[in-house]
């Protein structure tokens, strides 16, 4: 099943920008996923199982290394905002 995950990570450290960038680099290393980031969140598109395996590994690693909050939303299908429909 195709799915979309939207997530934001909030490291509770002064060097939070570097920590967010490191987290995003790790997510992007997984095959079979399409990753799109903006200033607020990151969208991950792909097969549900592939998304969940990748996020489980990367979120666990991030939380083991630092104090952080992760906000995660998951939906069925490829859910993209289409500006042409405005």
N, C-alpha and C. Protein backbone atom coordinates (compact mmCIF):
# COMPACT_ATOMS: atom_id res chain seq x y z
N UNK A 1 0.84 -1.17 0.00
CA UNK A 1 0.00 0.00 0.00
C UNK A 1 0.89 1.24 0.00
N UNK A 2 0.57 2.17 -0.89
CA UNK A 2 1.29 3.44 -0.89
C UNK A 2 0.84 4.29 0.29
N UNK A 3 1.76 5.09 0.80
CA UNK A 3 1.45 5.92 1.96
C UNK A 3 2.28 7.20 1.91
N UNK A 4 1.84 8.14 2.72
CA UNK A 4 2.56 9.39 2.92
C UNK A 4 2.74 9.60 4.41
N UNK A 5 3.95 9.95 4.81
CA UNK A 5 4.22 10.33 6.20
C UNK A 5 4.72 11.76 6.19
N UNK A 6 4.22 12.54 7.10
CA UNK A 6 4.71 13.91 7.29
C UNK A 6 5.27 13.99 8.69
N UNK A 7 6.50 14.47 8.81
CA UNK A 7 7.08 14.54 10.13
C UNK A 7 7.90 15.80 10.32
N UNK A 8 8.00 16.16 11.58
CA UNK A 8 8.84 17.27 12.01
C UNK A 8 9.60 16.78 13.23
N UNK A 9 10.88 17.13 13.29
CA UNK A 9 11.69 16.78 14.45
C UNK A 9 12.15 18.09 15.10
N UNK A 10 12.07 18.12 16.41
CA UNK A 10 12.43 19.31 17.18
C UNK A 10 13.49 18.94 18.21
N UNK A 11 14.77 18.98 17.84
CA UNK A 11 15.83 18.71 18.82
C UNK A 11 15.85 19.81 19.88
N UNK A 12 15.95 19.41 21.11
CA UNK A 12 15.93 20.36 22.23
C UNK A 12 17.37 20.71 22.62
N UNK A 13 18.11 21.23 21.64
CA UNK A 13 19.52 21.58 21.80
C UNK A 13 19.78 22.88 21.05
N UNK A 14 20.80 23.60 21.45
CA UNK A 14 21.13 24.86 20.79
C UNK A 14 21.54 24.67 19.33
N UNK A 15 22.17 23.55 19.02
CA UNK A 15 22.60 23.28 17.64
C UNK A 15 21.52 22.50 16.87
N UNK A 16 20.27 22.84 17.11
CA UNK A 16 19.15 22.09 16.53
C UNK A 16 19.16 22.07 15.01
N UNK A 17 19.63 23.14 14.36
CA UNK A 17 19.63 23.16 12.88
C UNK A 17 20.53 22.06 12.32
N UNK A 18 21.71 21.89 12.88
CA UNK A 18 22.60 20.83 12.42
C UNK A 18 22.01 19.45 12.69
N UNK A 19 21.34 19.30 13.80
CA UNK A 19 20.74 18.01 14.14
C UNK A 19 19.59 17.68 13.20
N UNK A 20 18.79 18.66 12.83
CA UNK A 20 17.70 18.43 11.87
C UNK A 20 18.29 18.04 10.52
N UNK A 21 19.31 18.77 10.07
CA UNK A 21 19.94 18.45 8.78
C UNK A 21 20.52 17.04 8.78
N UNK A 22 21.12 16.62 9.87
CA UNK A 22 21.67 15.27 9.98
C UNK A 22 20.55 14.23 9.89
N UNK A 23 19.45 14.49 10.57
CA UNK A 23 18.30 13.58 10.52
C UNK A 23 17.77 13.45 9.09
N UNK A 24 17.65 14.57 8.39
CA UNK A 24 17.14 14.54 7.02
C UNK A 24 18.10 13.80 6.09
N UNK A 25 19.40 13.96 6.27
CA UNK A 25 20.37 13.20 5.46
C UNK A 25 20.17 11.70 5.64
N UNK A 26 19.91 11.29 6.86
CA UNK A 26 19.74 9.86 7.13
C UNK A 26 18.46 9.32 6.50
N UNK A 27 17.39 10.08 6.57
CA UNK A 27 16.15 9.63 5.94
C UNK A 27 16.33 9.47 4.43
N UNK A 28 17.06 10.39 3.83
CA UNK A 28 17.23 10.38 2.37
C UNK A 28 18.08 9.21 1.87
N UNK A 29 18.76 8.51 2.74
CA UNK A 29 19.62 7.41 2.29
C UNK A 29 18.83 6.14 1.97
N UNK A 30 17.57 6.07 2.36
CA UNK A 30 16.76 4.87 2.14
C UNK A 30 16.26 4.79 0.70
N UNK A 31 16.41 3.62 0.10
CA UNK A 31 15.91 3.39 -1.25
C UNK A 31 14.39 3.22 -1.24
N UNK A 32 13.77 3.59 -2.34
CA UNK A 32 12.33 3.37 -2.50
C UNK A 32 11.45 4.44 -1.90
N UNK A 33 12.04 5.51 -1.39
CA UNK A 33 11.25 6.60 -0.80
C UNK A 33 11.50 7.89 -1.56
N UNK A 34 10.47 8.70 -1.64
CA UNK A 34 10.60 10.05 -2.16
C UNK A 34 10.47 10.99 -0.98
N UNK A 35 11.43 11.89 -0.82
CA UNK A 35 11.48 12.80 0.32
C UNK A 35 11.37 14.23 -0.18
N UNK A 36 10.46 15.00 0.41
CA UNK A 36 10.32 16.42 0.11
C UNK A 36 10.29 17.19 1.42
N UNK A 37 11.16 18.18 1.55
CA UNK A 37 11.23 18.97 2.78
C UNK A 37 10.90 20.42 2.50
N UNK A 38 10.36 21.07 3.52
CA UNK A 38 10.16 22.52 3.48
C UNK A 38 10.60 23.05 4.84
N UNK A 39 10.34 24.29 5.12
CA UNK A 39 10.80 24.89 6.36
C UNK A 39 10.10 24.40 7.61
N UNK A 40 9.01 23.67 7.45
CA UNK A 40 8.20 23.25 8.59
C UNK A 40 8.22 21.74 8.81
N UNK A 41 8.22 20.97 7.71
CA UNK A 41 8.11 19.52 7.84
C UNK A 41 8.76 18.82 6.66
N UNK A 42 8.77 17.51 6.75
CA UNK A 42 9.28 16.66 5.67
C UNK A 42 8.21 15.65 5.34
N UNK A 43 7.97 15.46 4.04
CA UNK A 43 7.01 14.47 3.57
C UNK A 43 7.80 13.30 2.99
N UNK A 44 7.36 12.10 3.36
CA UNK A 44 7.99 10.87 2.88
C UNK A 44 6.91 10.09 2.14
N UNK A 45 7.18 9.77 0.88
CA UNK A 45 6.23 9.05 0.04
C UNK A 45 6.81 7.70 -0.34
N UNK A 46 5.98 6.67 -0.34
CA UNK A 46 6.46 5.34 -0.74
C UNK A 46 5.53 4.26 -0.23
N UNK A 47 6.05 3.04 -0.19
CA UNK A 47 5.29 1.92 0.34
C UNK A 47 5.27 2.02 1.87
N UNK A 48 4.11 1.74 2.45
CA UNK A 48 3.93 1.88 3.90
C UNK A 48 5.03 1.17 4.69
N UNK A 49 5.28 -0.11 4.36
CA UNK A 49 6.27 -0.87 5.13
C UNK A 49 7.67 -0.26 5.00
N UNK A 50 8.01 0.23 3.82
CA UNK A 50 9.32 0.84 3.60
C UNK A 50 9.45 2.12 4.42
N UNK A 51 8.39 2.94 4.40
CA UNK A 51 8.39 4.18 5.20
C UNK A 51 8.56 3.87 6.68
N UNK A 52 7.78 2.93 7.18
CA UNK A 52 7.81 2.64 8.61
C UNK A 52 9.14 2.04 9.05
N UNK A 53 9.72 1.17 8.23
CA UNK A 53 11.03 0.61 8.57
C UNK A 53 12.08 1.71 8.65
N UNK A 54 12.08 2.61 7.67
CA UNK A 54 13.06 3.70 7.65
C UNK A 54 12.87 4.63 8.84
N UNK A 55 11.63 5.04 9.08
CA UNK A 55 11.38 5.98 10.17
C UNK A 55 11.64 5.35 11.53
N UNK A 56 11.32 4.08 11.68
CA UNK A 56 11.58 3.40 12.95
C UNK A 56 13.07 3.45 13.27
N UNK A 57 13.90 3.14 12.29
CA UNK A 57 15.36 3.16 12.50
C UNK A 57 15.86 4.58 12.80
N UNK A 58 15.45 5.52 11.95
CA UNK A 58 16.02 6.87 12.05
C UNK A 58 15.49 7.64 13.26
N UNK A 59 14.23 7.47 13.58
CA UNK A 59 13.70 8.16 14.76
C UNK A 59 14.31 7.57 16.03
N UNK A 60 14.41 6.26 16.08
CA UNK A 60 15.03 5.63 17.27
C UNK A 60 16.45 6.14 17.47
N UNK A 61 17.24 6.16 16.38
CA UNK A 61 18.62 6.64 16.48
C UNK A 61 18.67 8.09 16.94
N UNK A 62 17.80 8.92 16.40
CA UNK A 62 17.78 10.33 16.79
C UNK A 62 17.44 10.49 18.26
N UNK A 63 16.46 9.73 18.74
CA UNK A 63 16.05 9.86 20.14
C UNK A 63 17.07 9.28 21.10
N UNK A 64 17.83 8.27 20.65
CA UNK A 64 18.88 7.72 21.52
C UNK A 64 20.03 8.70 21.68
N UNK A 65 20.27 9.55 20.70
CA UNK A 65 21.42 10.47 20.71
C UNK A 65 21.11 11.84 21.31
N UNK A 66 19.84 12.17 21.48
CA UNK A 66 19.51 13.54 21.87
C UNK A 66 18.13 13.60 22.51
N UNK A 67 17.85 14.75 23.11
CA UNK A 67 16.50 15.06 23.56
C UNK A 67 15.79 15.70 22.38
N UNK A 68 14.66 15.15 21.98
CA UNK A 68 13.94 15.69 20.82
C UNK A 68 12.49 15.28 20.87
N UNK A 69 11.68 16.04 20.18
CA UNK A 69 10.27 15.71 19.96
C UNK A 69 10.11 15.44 18.47
N UNK A 70 9.31 14.42 18.15
CA UNK A 70 9.01 14.10 16.75
C UNK A 70 7.50 14.10 16.61
N UNK A 71 7.01 14.83 15.61
CA UNK A 71 5.59 14.85 15.29
C UNK A 71 5.44 14.11 13.98
N UNK A 72 4.57 13.10 13.94
CA UNK A 72 4.43 12.24 12.77
C UNK A 72 2.96 12.05 12.42
N UNK A 73 2.65 12.24 11.14
CA UNK A 73 1.31 11.97 10.61
C UNK A 73 1.47 11.00 9.45
N UNK A 74 0.56 10.03 9.34
CA UNK A 74 0.62 9.03 8.27
C UNK A 74 -0.74 8.92 7.62
N UNK A 75 -0.74 8.86 6.29
CA UNK A 75 -1.98 8.71 5.56
C UNK A 75 -1.83 7.71 4.43
N UNK A 76 -2.93 7.12 4.04
CA UNK A 76 -2.93 6.16 2.93
C UNK A 76 -2.86 6.91 1.61
N UNK A 77 -2.00 6.43 0.71
CA UNK A 77 -1.88 7.02 -0.62
C UNK A 77 -0.80 8.08 -0.67
N UNK A 78 -0.55 8.55 -1.88
CA UNK A 78 0.41 9.63 -2.09
C UNK A 78 -0.37 10.94 -1.98
N UNK A 79 -0.17 11.64 -0.89
CA UNK A 79 -0.94 12.85 -0.57
C UNK A 79 -0.06 14.07 -0.75
N UNK A 80 -0.25 14.76 -1.85
CA UNK A 80 0.53 15.97 -2.14
C UNK A 80 -0.43 17.14 -2.28
N UNK A 81 0.00 18.29 -1.81
CA UNK A 81 -0.76 19.51 -1.97
C UNK A 81 -0.60 19.97 -3.42
N UNK A 82 -1.70 20.21 -4.09
CA UNK A 82 -1.68 20.63 -5.49
C UNK A 82 -2.08 22.10 -5.58
N UNK A 83 -1.07 22.99 -5.73
CA UNK A 83 -1.33 24.42 -5.78
C UNK A 83 -2.15 24.82 -6.99
N UNK A 84 -2.14 24.01 -8.05
CA UNK A 84 -2.89 24.36 -9.26
C UNK A 84 -4.40 24.29 -9.03
N UNK A 85 -4.82 23.66 -7.96
CA UNK A 85 -6.26 23.54 -7.66
C UNK A 85 -6.78 24.66 -6.78
N UNK A 86 -5.92 25.65 -6.49
CA UNK A 86 -6.36 26.80 -5.68
C UNK A 86 -7.17 27.76 -6.50
